[in-house]
Amino acid sequence: MELWLVCALLTVVCYGVGEGLSKEPTVRLGSARMLVLYALGNAPIYAAWFLFGSGWAHLPLEGIVFGIASGVCGCLGTVFWFRAMESGTASVVSGFTAAYPVITVAAAVAILGASLVPLQIVAIAFLLLGAVLLGIYDHPGNLAVGRAWLAPMLLAILMWGAWGIVEKLAINALGFAGNSGIYVIVSTPLYLAIALPRLRDRGSWDRVGIREAIPSLLLFGIAGITIFLAIGLGPIAIVVPLTTAYPVVAILVRRLWMDERMTMPQKVAVVFAIVGAALVSL
C-alpha cells in the first residue's frame, strides 16, 4: 500500500472519530473556545515540523503566496465548520462536509489540467443532491435544530474546497516543512483574531468541556499532519475526495456511542454525500 494512501486512510479515521466526539465540547465551550484550543494545540506541531525539517531553506515567493492562501482558506473553513457544529446536528454536519471535493476537483480541472471522467460527474451530482436534501429537511417538532448551521457549512465547503488545491500547490513549491511553517504563521493569528472577540458570546472555560475536547483536538492534530502528507504525496483529484469518507466514521461514532438520531431524508442525504465522495475517488 502506497504511503499517500496510508496517510489518507489515517486521515479518515482520525478526522472521523475526532469529529464524532467534538459536538459536546463545542456546545459546552462554544465554537470560539474550541478554535482557541485548536489553534494553540496545532501551532507547536506545525512549528516543530518547520524547524526540524529545515523549512526555511527553500521559501520561493510563489510558494509563500500559495502557503498564505492555504492558511487563510484552511483557517476560515475550520472556523465556519465549528460554527456549523455548534448549532447543527453532528451527524448531518459531518455528512454535509463530504461535498467539498466538488470545489477541489473543479479547481484541479481548471488550474492543474486534470480531467473529469463520467463517473466523477455522477459523483458530483450525488454530492449536490445530498447537500440540497440536508438543506431542505430538518428534524420534526421539538427536535428541530433549524438551519442556522447551513450558511456556515456552505462557507466551510467553499473554503475547504479552495484549500485542497492551494495546499497542493504550496507543498509542491515549498515542501512539507516549508508549507507547515507558512501555514502556522498565517493560520494561528487568524484563528485567535476571529475567536477572541467572541469568547463572551457563549459558553465558558468549563473543565469538563476542556477534558471532553482533548481527544477530538488530539485526533484533529494527527489528521492535520496525515492529510498534508497525503495531499503532497498523492494525486489531489483522488486524495481529497477519498479523505472525505471520514463522515462515515463520524456518523458511526454518533450513532453507536452518542445515540444521535437522523430523519429518513437526512439519512438519504448523508448516503448520497458518502456515495458521491466514494465515486469521486474511483
Protein backbone atom coordinates (compact mmCIF):
# COMPACT_ATOMS: atom_id res chain seq x y z
CA MET A 1 0.00 0.00 0.00
CA GLU A 2 1.41 3.38 -1.01
CA LEU A 3 2.31 5.88 1.71
CA TRP A 4 -0.14 8.55 0.47
CA LEU A 5 -2.98 6.02 0.72
CA VAL A 6 -1.98 5.05 4.26
CA CYS A 7 -1.94 8.72 5.23
CA ALA A 8 -5.32 9.31 3.57
CA LEU A 9 -6.89 6.39 5.45
CA LEU A 10 -5.40 7.58 8.75
CA THR A 11 -6.91 10.99 8.00
CA VAL A 12 -10.32 9.38 7.51
CA VAL A 13 -10.14 7.59 10.87
CA CYS A 14 -8.71 10.48 12.90
CA TYR A 15 -10.97 13.18 11.43
CA GLY A 16 -13.97 10.88 11.65
CA VAL A 17 -13.57 9.89 15.30
CA GLY A 18 -12.48 13.42 16.24
CA GLU A 19 -15.50 14.98 14.55
CA GLY A 20 -17.82 12.43 16.12
CA LEU A 21 -16.52 13.38 19.59
CA SER A 22 -16.45 17.14 19.02
CA LYS A 23 -20.15 18.06 19.26
CA GLU A 24 -20.47 18.03 23.06
CA PRO A 25 -17.35 20.08 23.90
CA THR A 26 -18.21 22.55 21.11
CA VAL A 27 -21.66 23.13 22.59
CA ARG A 28 -20.31 23.27 26.15
CA LEU A 29 -17.38 25.59 25.45
CA GLY A 30 -18.67 27.44 22.40
CA SER A 31 -17.05 27.43 18.96
CA ALA A 32 -14.73 30.35 19.84
CA ARG A 33 -13.06 28.49 22.73
CA MET A 34 -12.75 25.35 20.63
CA LEU A 35 -10.99 27.44 17.98
CA VAL A 36 -8.55 28.81 20.55
CA LEU A 37 -7.75 25.30 21.81
CA TYR A 38 -7.48 24.00 18.24
CA ALA A 39 -5.10 26.79 17.18
CA LEU A 40 -2.86 26.58 20.25
CA GLY A 41 -2.78 22.80 20.10
CA ASN A 42 -1.76 22.62 16.44
CA ALA A 43 0.72 25.51 16.40
CA PRO A 44 3.58 23.60 18.15
CA ILE A 45 3.14 20.62 15.79
CA TYR A 46 3.48 22.66 12.60
CA ALA A 47 6.22 24.88 14.07
CA ALA A 48 8.28 21.81 15.03
CA TRP A 49 7.83 20.34 11.55
CA PHE A 50 9.08 23.61 10.05
CA LEU A 51 12.09 23.87 12.38
CA PHE A 52 13.24 20.24 12.40
CA GLY A 53 12.56 19.86 8.68
CA SER A 54 14.63 22.96 7.80
CA GLY A 55 11.60 24.54 6.18
CA TRP A 56 13.32 27.92 5.96
CA ALA A 57 15.86 26.59 3.45
CA HIS A 58 13.55 26.91 0.46
CA LEU A 59 10.91 29.65 0.52
CA PRO A 60 10.24 30.93 -3.02
CA LEU A 61 7.80 33.83 -3.35
CA GLU A 62 5.31 31.79 -5.35
CA GLY A 63 5.25 29.12 -2.64
CA ILE A 64 4.78 31.71 0.11
CA VAL A 65 1.75 33.13 -1.74
CA PHE A 66 0.23 29.66 -2.06
CA GLY A 67 1.07 28.93 1.58
CA ILE A 68 -0.67 32.12 2.74
CA ALA A 69 -3.74 31.25 0.65
CA SER A 70 -3.73 27.75 2.12
CA GLY A 71 -3.53 29.09 5.66
CA VAL A 72 -6.39 31.56 5.12
CA CYS A 73 -8.69 29.06 3.36
CA GLY A 74 -7.98 26.26 5.83
CA CYS A 75 -8.49 28.54 8.81
CA LEU A 76 -11.76 30.05 7.58
CA GLY A 77 -13.09 26.62 6.64
CA THR A 78 -12.44 25.36 10.17
CA VAL A 79 -13.96 28.49 11.73
CA PHE A 80 -17.19 28.05 9.76
CA TRP A 81 -17.24 24.31 10.47
CA PHE A 82 -17.08 24.83 14.24
CA ARG A 83 -19.95 27.32 13.99
CA ALA A 84 -22.00 24.81 11.99
CA MET A 85 -21.20 22.06 14.50
CA GLU A 86 -22.24 24.33 17.39
CA SER A 87 -25.76 24.84 16.04
CA GLY A 88 -26.43 21.79 13.88
CA THR A 89 -26.80 18.03 14.29
CA ALA A 90 -23.34 16.49 14.27
CA SER A 91 -24.28 13.56 12.00
CA VAL A 92 -25.80 15.88 9.41
CA VAL A 93 -22.95 18.42 9.54
CA SER A 94 -20.45 15.56 9.17
CA GLY A 95 -22.25 14.18 6.13
CA PHE A 96 -22.53 17.61 4.55
CA THR A 97 -18.75 18.12 4.61
CA ALA A 98 -18.44 15.36 2.00
CA ALA A 99 -19.48 17.95 -0.59
CA TYR A 100 -16.27 19.99 -0.56
CA PRO A 101 -14.37 17.81 -3.09
CA VAL A 102 -16.65 19.35 -5.74
CA ILE A 103 -14.74 22.61 -5.32
CA THR A 104 -11.34 20.93 -5.24
CA VAL A 105 -11.99 18.72 -8.26
CA ALA A 106 -13.36 21.70 -10.25
CA ALA A 107 -10.27 23.73 -9.36
CA ALA A 108 -7.99 20.81 -10.26
CA VAL A 109 -9.61 20.69 -13.70
CA ALA A 110 -9.33 24.44 -14.24
CA ILE A 111 -5.88 25.06 -12.72
CA LEU A 112 -3.93 21.79 -12.86
CA GLY A 113 -5.41 20.50 -16.11
CA ALA A 114 -6.99 17.42 -14.56
CA SER A 115 -9.86 15.81 -16.48
CA LEU A 116 -13.22 14.55 -15.23
CA VAL A 117 -14.48 11.14 -16.28
CA PRO A 118 -18.24 10.42 -16.44
CA LEU A 119 -18.10 8.60 -13.09
CA GLN A 120 -16.77 11.72 -11.38
CA ILE A 121 -19.56 13.81 -12.92
CA VAL A 122 -22.10 11.37 -11.47
CA ALA A 123 -20.32 11.63 -8.13
CA ILE A 124 -20.60 15.41 -8.14
CA ALA A 125 -24.33 15.07 -8.84
CA PHE A 126 -24.68 12.78 -5.79
CA LEU A 127 -22.83 15.26 -3.61
CA LEU A 128 -25.02 18.14 -4.73
CA LEU A 129 -28.22 16.12 -4.18
CA GLY A 130 -27.07 15.30 -0.68
CA ALA A 131 -26.34 18.94 0.03
CA VAL A 132 -29.78 20.02 -1.20
CA LEU A 133 -31.60 17.40 0.89
CA LEU A 134 -29.68 18.32 4.02
CA GLY A 135 -30.54 21.96 3.47
CA ILE A 136 -34.25 21.31 2.95
CA TYR A 137 -35.17 18.88 5.72
CA ASP A 138 -34.97 19.42 9.47
CA HIS A 139 -35.92 17.26 12.46
CA PRO A 140 -39.66 17.36 13.15
CA GLY A 141 -41.36 19.20 16.02
CA ASN A 142 -39.38 19.85 19.20
CA LEU A 143 -36.34 18.05 17.78
CA ALA A 144 -35.85 20.66 15.05
CA VAL A 145 -32.44 22.33 15.14
CA GLY A 146 -33.19 24.91 12.46
CA ARG A 147 -30.92 25.82 9.58
CA ALA A 148 -28.59 28.26 11.29
CA TRP A 149 -25.81 25.74 10.62
CA LEU A 150 -26.40 25.69 6.85
CA ALA A 151 -24.80 29.02 5.87
CA PRO A 152 -21.54 28.44 7.82
CA MET A 153 -21.41 24.88 6.48
CA LEU A 154 -21.68 26.10 2.88
CA LEU A 155 -18.91 28.60 3.54
CA ALA A 156 -16.79 25.86 5.12
CA ILE A 157 -17.24 23.73 2.00
CA LEU A 158 -16.13 26.61 -0.24
CA MET A 159 -13.08 27.38 1.90
CA TRP A 160 -12.00 23.75 2.32
CA GLY A 161 -12.52 23.09 -1.39
CA ALA A 162 -10.25 26.01 -2.26
CA TRP A 163 -7.79 24.91 0.44
CA GLY A 164 -7.35 21.49 -1.16
CA ILE A 165 -5.98 22.93 -4.39
CA VAL A 166 -3.81 25.73 -2.96
CA GLU A 167 -2.42 23.32 -0.37
CA LYS A 168 -1.22 21.03 -3.15
CA LEU A 169 0.38 23.97 -4.95
CA ALA A 170 2.00 25.21 -1.72
CA ILE A 171 3.51 21.80 -0.90
CA ASN A 172 4.82 21.44 -4.46
CA ALA A 173 6.55 24.82 -4.18
CA LEU A 174 7.69 24.80 -0.54
CA GLY A 175 7.94 21.17 0.51
CA PHE A 176 6.20 19.79 3.58
CA ALA A 177 8.26 21.60 6.21
CA GLY A 178 8.19 24.98 4.49
CA ASN A 179 4.46 24.76 3.94
CA SER A 180 3.92 23.87 7.60
CA GLY A 181 5.78 26.99 8.71
CA ILE A 182 3.84 29.35 6.45
CA TYR A 183 0.57 27.65 7.41
CA VAL A 184 1.09 28.05 11.15
CA ILE A 185 2.32 31.65 10.84
CA VAL A 186 -0.80 32.61 8.88
CA SER A 187 -3.50 30.47 10.46
CA THR A 188 -2.72 30.77 14.19
CA PRO A 189 -3.06 34.59 14.47
CA LEU A 190 -6.13 34.42 12.22
CA TYR A 191 -7.79 31.78 14.42
CA LEU A 192 -7.14 33.84 17.55
CA ALA A 193 -8.21 37.13 15.95
CA ILE A 194 -11.55 35.58 14.97
CA ALA A 195 -12.12 33.66 18.20
CA LEU A 196 -11.04 36.05 20.96
CA PRO A 197 -13.70 38.76 20.38
CA ARG A 198 -16.41 36.03 20.57
CA LEU A 199 -15.35 34.45 23.84
CA ARG A 200 -18.13 36.23 25.72
CA ASP A 201 -20.86 35.16 23.32
CA ARG A 202 -21.45 31.65 24.58
CA GLY A 203 -20.02 29.05 26.93
CA SER A 204 -17.23 29.30 29.49
CA TRP A 205 -13.86 27.71 30.20
CA ASP A 206 -15.54 24.68 31.71
CA ARG A 207 -13.14 21.98 32.93
CA VAL A 208 -15.42 19.17 31.82
CA GLY A 209 -15.68 20.73 28.38
CA ILE A 210 -11.91 21.06 28.10
CA ARG A 211 -11.44 17.41 29.08
CA GLU A 212 -14.06 16.40 26.51
CA ALA A 213 -12.32 18.48 23.85
CA ILE A 214 -8.83 17.00 24.30
CA PRO A 215 -9.42 13.66 22.46
CA SER A 216 -11.02 15.30 19.43
CA LEU A 217 -8.39 18.06 19.25
CA LEU A 218 -5.58 15.48 19.50
CA LEU A 219 -7.11 13.48 16.68
CA PHE A 220 -7.55 16.64 14.60
CA GLY A 221 -3.85 17.40 15.12
CA ILE A 222 -2.82 13.95 13.87
CA ALA A 223 -5.18 14.23 10.91
CA GLY A 224 -3.73 17.65 10.06
CA ILE A 225 -0.33 16.01 9.58
CA THR A 226 -1.56 12.96 7.67
CA ILE A 227 -3.68 15.00 5.26
CA PHE A 228 -0.67 17.26 4.49
CA LEU A 229 1.33 14.14 3.64
CA ALA A 230 -1.48 12.54 1.63
CA ILE A 231 -2.07 15.69 -0.46
CA GLY A 232 1.65 16.23 -1.01
CA LEU A 233 2.43 12.64 -1.98
CA GLY A 234 -0.72 11.57 -3.82
CA PRO A 235 -2.91 12.73 -6.72
CA ILE A 236 -5.04 15.64 -5.50
CA ALA A 237 -8.14 14.64 -7.50
CA ILE A 238 -8.20 11.31 -5.65
CA VAL A 239 -6.79 12.17 -2.22
CA VAL A 240 -9.24 14.92 -1.29
CA PRO A 241 -12.41 13.00 -2.25
CA LEU A 242 -11.06 9.89 -0.54
CA THR A 243 -10.38 11.68 2.74
CA THR A 244 -13.97 12.94 2.80
CA ALA A 245 -15.05 9.40 3.66
CA TYR A 246 -14.46 10.43 7.28
CA PRO A 247 -18.16 11.39 7.76
CA VAL A 248 -18.90 7.65 7.69
CA VAL A 249 -16.70 7.21 10.76
CA ALA A 250 -18.14 10.31 12.44
CA ILE A 251 -21.71 9.16 11.86
CA LEU A 252 -20.92 5.69 13.24
CA VAL A 253 -19.42 7.28 16.36
CA ARG A 254 -22.52 9.45 16.84
CA ARG A 255 -24.89 6.53 16.26
CA LEU A 256 -23.09 3.90 18.33
CA TRP A 257 -21.87 5.96 21.28
CA MET A 258 -23.96 9.14 21.32
CA ASP A 259 -27.26 7.65 20.08
CA GLU A 260 -27.87 10.63 17.79
CA ARG A 261 -30.91 10.24 15.52
CA MET A 262 -31.50 11.38 11.96
CA THR A 263 -34.68 11.68 9.92
CA MET A 264 -35.12 9.49 6.86
CA PRO A 265 -34.49 12.35 4.36
CA GLN A 266 -31.31 13.22 6.29
CA LYS A 267 -30.19 9.59 6.16
CA VAL A 268 -30.78 9.53 2.41
CA ALA A 269 -28.89 12.81 2.03
CA VAL A 270 -25.91 11.53 4.00
CA VAL A 271 -25.87 8.35 1.88
CA PHE A 272 -25.87 10.50 -1.29
CA ALA A 273 -22.96 12.54 0.05
CA ILE A 274 -20.95 9.48 1.08
CA VAL A 275 -21.61 7.62 -2.18
CA GLY A 276 -20.62 10.73 -4.10
CA ALA A 277 -17.36 11.04 -2.17
CA ALA A 278 -16.60 7.36 -2.81
CA LEU A 279 -17.33 7.63 -6.56
CA VAL A 280 -15.07 10.67 -6.97
CA SER A 281 -12.14 8.64 -5.62
CA LEU A 282 -12.58 5.74 -8.08
